[in-house]
Every structure is written in C-alpha cells, then in structure tokens.
C-alpha cells in the first residue's frame, strides 16, 4: 500500500474523504479503494495517526481530489 503524507496530499489539492482506518479495518479500507478504482476516481491513501483509548495508532485515510 503506497501512502503519502497529509502535506503532500494538501499540496496536490486532495481532500479527506474518510475517517482513518486502523489495524483490523483493512477489509473495509480495501472495499473503499475497490469502489474508487472501479469508478475511476482519483484518490490517494494518506498516512495519519489517531488516538484510540489514550494510545496513538497509525492509520490510513482515503483522500480524493476536487469533491
């Protein structure tokens, strides 16, 4: 999975489409990505961190251009 940073996404005019997906949510992330690709929608996977129960976790958001 190729990800970019928030700064890179913003510089390329992408905007967040989803909340972060964290470990254990790969199936749902895969379904969103499959929908984007099926409909030929320009998207990027953006790396982020979120706080879950006082623990910082790495996550991935789906961002798209021009929505």
N, C-alpha and C. Protein backbone atom coordinates (compact mmCIF):
# COMPACT_ATOMS: atom_id res chain seq x y z
N UNK A 1 0.84 -1.16 0.00
CA UNK A 1 0.00 0.00 0.00
C UNK A 1 0.90 1.24 0.00
N UNK A 2 0.77 2.06 -1.01
CA UNK A 2 1.55 3.28 -1.12
C UNK A 2 0.78 4.44 -0.50
N UNK A 3 1.41 5.10 0.48
CA UNK A 3 0.76 6.23 1.13
C UNK A 3 1.58 7.50 0.93
N UNK A 4 0.90 8.64 1.12
CA UNK A 4 1.57 9.93 1.09
C UNK A 4 1.25 10.64 2.40
N UNK A 5 1.93 11.74 2.66
CA UNK A 5 1.69 12.50 3.88
C UNK A 5 0.54 13.48 3.67
N UNK A 6 0.04 13.99 4.77
CA UNK A 6 -1.02 15.00 4.70
C UNK A 6 -0.54 16.22 3.92
N UNK A 7 0.69 16.65 4.17
CA UNK A 7 1.23 17.82 3.46
C UNK A 7 1.28 17.58 1.95
N UNK A 8 1.70 16.38 1.56
CA UNK A 8 1.74 16.05 0.13
C UNK A 8 0.34 16.06 -0.47
N UNK A 9 -0.62 15.49 0.25
CA UNK A 9 -1.99 15.43 -0.25
C UNK A 9 -2.58 16.84 -0.40
N UNK A 10 -2.38 17.68 0.60
CA UNK A 10 -2.91 19.04 0.54
C UNK A 10 -2.27 19.84 -0.59
N UNK A 11 -0.96 19.65 -0.78
CA UNK A 11 -0.25 20.36 -1.85
C UNK A 11 -0.77 19.96 -3.23
N UNK A 12 -1.26 18.74 -3.36
CA UNK A 12 -1.79 18.24 -4.63
C UNK A 12 -3.30 18.45 -4.75
N UNK A 13 -3.89 19.20 -3.81
CA UNK A 13 -5.32 19.55 -3.82
C UNK A 13 -6.24 18.36 -3.57
N UNK A 14 -5.79 17.43 -2.73
CA UNK A 14 -6.66 16.33 -2.30
C UNK A 14 -7.31 16.72 -0.98
N UNK A 15 -8.50 16.19 -0.74
CA UNK A 15 -9.26 16.47 0.48
C UNK A 15 -9.67 15.14 1.11
N UNK A 16 -9.77 15.09 2.47
CA UNK A 16 -10.15 13.83 3.13
C UNK A 16 -11.56 13.38 2.77
N UNK A 17 -11.70 12.12 2.49
CA UNK A 17 -12.99 11.51 2.18
C UNK A 17 -13.47 10.62 3.32
N UNK A 18 -12.54 9.97 4.01
CA UNK A 18 -12.91 9.03 5.07
C UNK A 18 -12.23 9.39 6.38
N UNK A 19 -12.72 8.79 7.46
CA UNK A 19 -12.01 8.81 8.73
C UNK A 19 -10.86 7.82 8.62
N UNK A 20 -9.88 7.88 9.52
CA UNK A 20 -8.76 6.93 9.45
C UNK A 20 -9.20 5.48 9.66
N UNK A 21 -8.61 4.61 8.85
CA UNK A 21 -8.75 3.17 9.05
C UNK A 21 -7.51 2.72 9.81
N UNK A 22 -7.69 1.91 10.83
CA UNK A 22 -6.57 1.44 11.65
C UNK A 22 -6.45 -0.07 11.52
N UNK A 23 -5.46 -0.63 12.19
CA UNK A 23 -5.23 -2.08 12.14
C UNK A 23 -6.52 -2.82 12.46
N UNK A 24 -6.82 -3.81 11.66
CA UNK A 24 -8.04 -4.59 11.83
C UNK A 24 -9.17 -4.13 10.92
N UNK A 25 -8.97 -3.00 10.25
CA UNK A 25 -10.01 -2.48 9.35
C UNK A 25 -9.59 -2.53 7.89
N UNK A 26 -8.62 -3.39 7.59
CA UNK A 26 -8.10 -3.49 6.22
C UNK A 26 -9.17 -3.91 5.22
N UNK A 27 -10.09 -4.76 5.63
CA UNK A 27 -11.13 -5.21 4.71
C UNK A 27 -11.99 -4.04 4.26
N UNK A 28 -12.39 -3.20 5.21
CA UNK A 28 -13.22 -2.05 4.86
C UNK A 28 -12.45 -1.06 3.99
N UNK A 29 -11.20 -0.81 4.33
CA UNK A 29 -10.36 0.06 3.50
C UNK A 29 -10.26 -0.50 2.09
N UNK A 30 -10.05 -1.79 1.97
CA UNK A 30 -9.97 -2.44 0.65
C UNK A 30 -11.24 -2.25 -0.16
N UNK A 31 -12.40 -2.28 0.50
CA UNK A 31 -13.67 -2.09 -0.21
C UNK A 31 -13.81 -0.66 -0.72
N UNK A 32 -13.38 0.30 0.09
CA UNK A 32 -13.43 1.71 -0.34
C UNK A 32 -12.51 1.91 -1.54
N UNK A 33 -11.29 1.38 -1.45
CA UNK A 33 -10.33 1.51 -2.55
C UNK A 33 -10.87 0.83 -3.81
N UNK A 34 -11.47 -0.34 -3.69
CA UNK A 34 -12.03 -1.04 -4.84
C UNK A 34 -13.13 -0.20 -5.50
N UNK A 35 -13.98 0.44 -4.68
CA UNK A 35 -15.03 1.32 -5.22
C UNK A 35 -14.43 2.49 -5.98
N UNK A 36 -13.40 3.10 -5.40
CA UNK A 36 -12.75 4.25 -6.05
C UNK A 36 -12.15 3.83 -7.39
N UNK A 37 -11.48 2.69 -7.41
CA UNK A 37 -10.84 2.23 -8.64
C UNK A 37 -11.87 1.80 -9.68
N UNK A 38 -12.94 1.14 -9.25
CA UNK A 38 -13.98 0.72 -10.17
C UNK A 38 -14.62 1.92 -10.88
N UNK A 39 -14.80 3.01 -10.13
CA UNK A 39 -15.42 4.20 -10.70
C UNK A 39 -14.41 5.20 -11.26
N UNK A 40 -13.15 4.79 -11.35
CA UNK A 40 -12.09 5.64 -11.91
C UNK A 40 -11.96 6.98 -11.19
N UNK A 41 -12.06 6.97 -9.87
CA UNK A 41 -11.95 8.18 -9.07
C UNK A 41 -10.51 8.35 -8.60
N UNK A 42 -9.98 9.55 -8.82
CA UNK A 42 -8.61 9.87 -8.43
C UNK A 42 -8.53 9.97 -6.91
N UNK A 43 -7.73 9.13 -6.27
CA UNK A 43 -7.63 9.11 -4.81
C UNK A 43 -6.19 8.87 -4.38
N UNK A 44 -5.92 9.16 -3.14
CA UNK A 44 -4.63 8.85 -2.51
C UNK A 44 -4.90 8.28 -1.13
N UNK A 45 -4.01 7.43 -0.66
CA UNK A 45 -4.04 6.93 0.70
C UNK A 45 -3.07 7.78 1.51
N UNK A 46 -3.59 8.39 2.57
CA UNK A 46 -2.81 9.35 3.35
C UNK A 46 -2.55 8.78 4.74
N UNK A 47 -1.27 8.76 5.12
CA UNK A 47 -0.91 8.23 6.43
C UNK A 47 -1.22 9.27 7.51
N UNK A 48 -1.73 8.77 8.62
CA UNK A 48 -2.10 9.64 9.72
C UNK A 48 -1.98 8.87 11.03
N UNK A 49 -2.07 9.57 12.13
CA UNK A 49 -2.14 8.91 13.43
C UNK A 49 -3.38 9.40 14.15
N UNK A 50 -3.96 8.51 14.94
CA UNK A 50 -5.13 8.88 15.74
C UNK A 50 -4.94 8.35 17.15
N UNK A 51 -5.68 8.93 18.06
CA UNK A 51 -5.62 8.50 19.46
C UNK A 51 -6.82 7.60 19.74
N UNK A 52 -6.56 6.37 20.14
CA UNK A 52 -7.61 5.41 20.48
C UNK A 52 -7.32 4.92 21.89
N UNK A 53 -8.25 5.20 22.80
CA UNK A 53 -8.08 4.80 24.22
C UNK A 53 -6.72 5.22 24.77
N UNK A 54 -6.39 6.48 24.56
CA UNK A 54 -5.13 7.08 25.04
C UNK A 54 -3.87 6.49 24.41
N UNK A 55 -4.02 5.78 23.30
CA UNK A 55 -2.87 5.22 22.59
C UNK A 55 -2.87 5.77 21.17
N UNK A 56 -1.73 6.29 20.73
CA UNK A 56 -1.59 6.76 19.36
C UNK A 56 -1.45 5.56 18.43
N UNK A 57 -2.26 5.54 17.36
CA UNK A 57 -2.20 4.45 16.38
C UNK A 57 -2.01 5.04 14.99
N UNK A 58 -1.27 4.31 14.18
CA UNK A 58 -1.09 4.67 12.78
C UNK A 58 -2.36 4.32 12.04
N UNK A 59 -2.77 5.18 11.12
CA UNK A 59 -3.96 4.91 10.32
C UNK A 59 -3.79 5.40 8.90
N UNK A 60 -4.78 5.09 8.08
CA UNK A 60 -4.78 5.50 6.67
C UNK A 60 -6.15 6.09 6.36
N UNK A 61 -6.14 7.27 5.74
CA UNK A 61 -7.38 7.89 5.27
C UNK A 61 -7.39 7.85 3.74
N UNK A 62 -8.58 7.81 3.17
CA UNK A 62 -8.72 7.92 1.72
C UNK A 62 -9.03 9.38 1.42
N UNK A 63 -8.24 9.98 0.55
CA UNK A 63 -8.44 11.37 0.13
C UNK A 63 -8.72 11.37 -1.38
N UNK A 64 -9.54 12.30 -1.81
CA UNK A 64 -9.80 12.42 -3.25
C UNK A 64 -9.67 13.87 -3.67
N UNK A 65 -9.50 14.05 -4.93
CA UNK A 65 -9.31 15.39 -5.48
C UNK A 65 -10.65 15.97 -5.91
N UNK A 66 -10.86 17.24 -5.57
CA UNK A 66 -11.97 18.01 -6.12
C UNK A 66 -13.35 17.55 -5.76
N UNK A 67 -13.63 17.18 -4.55
CA UNK A 67 -15.02 16.85 -4.18
C UNK A 67 -15.58 17.92 -3.27
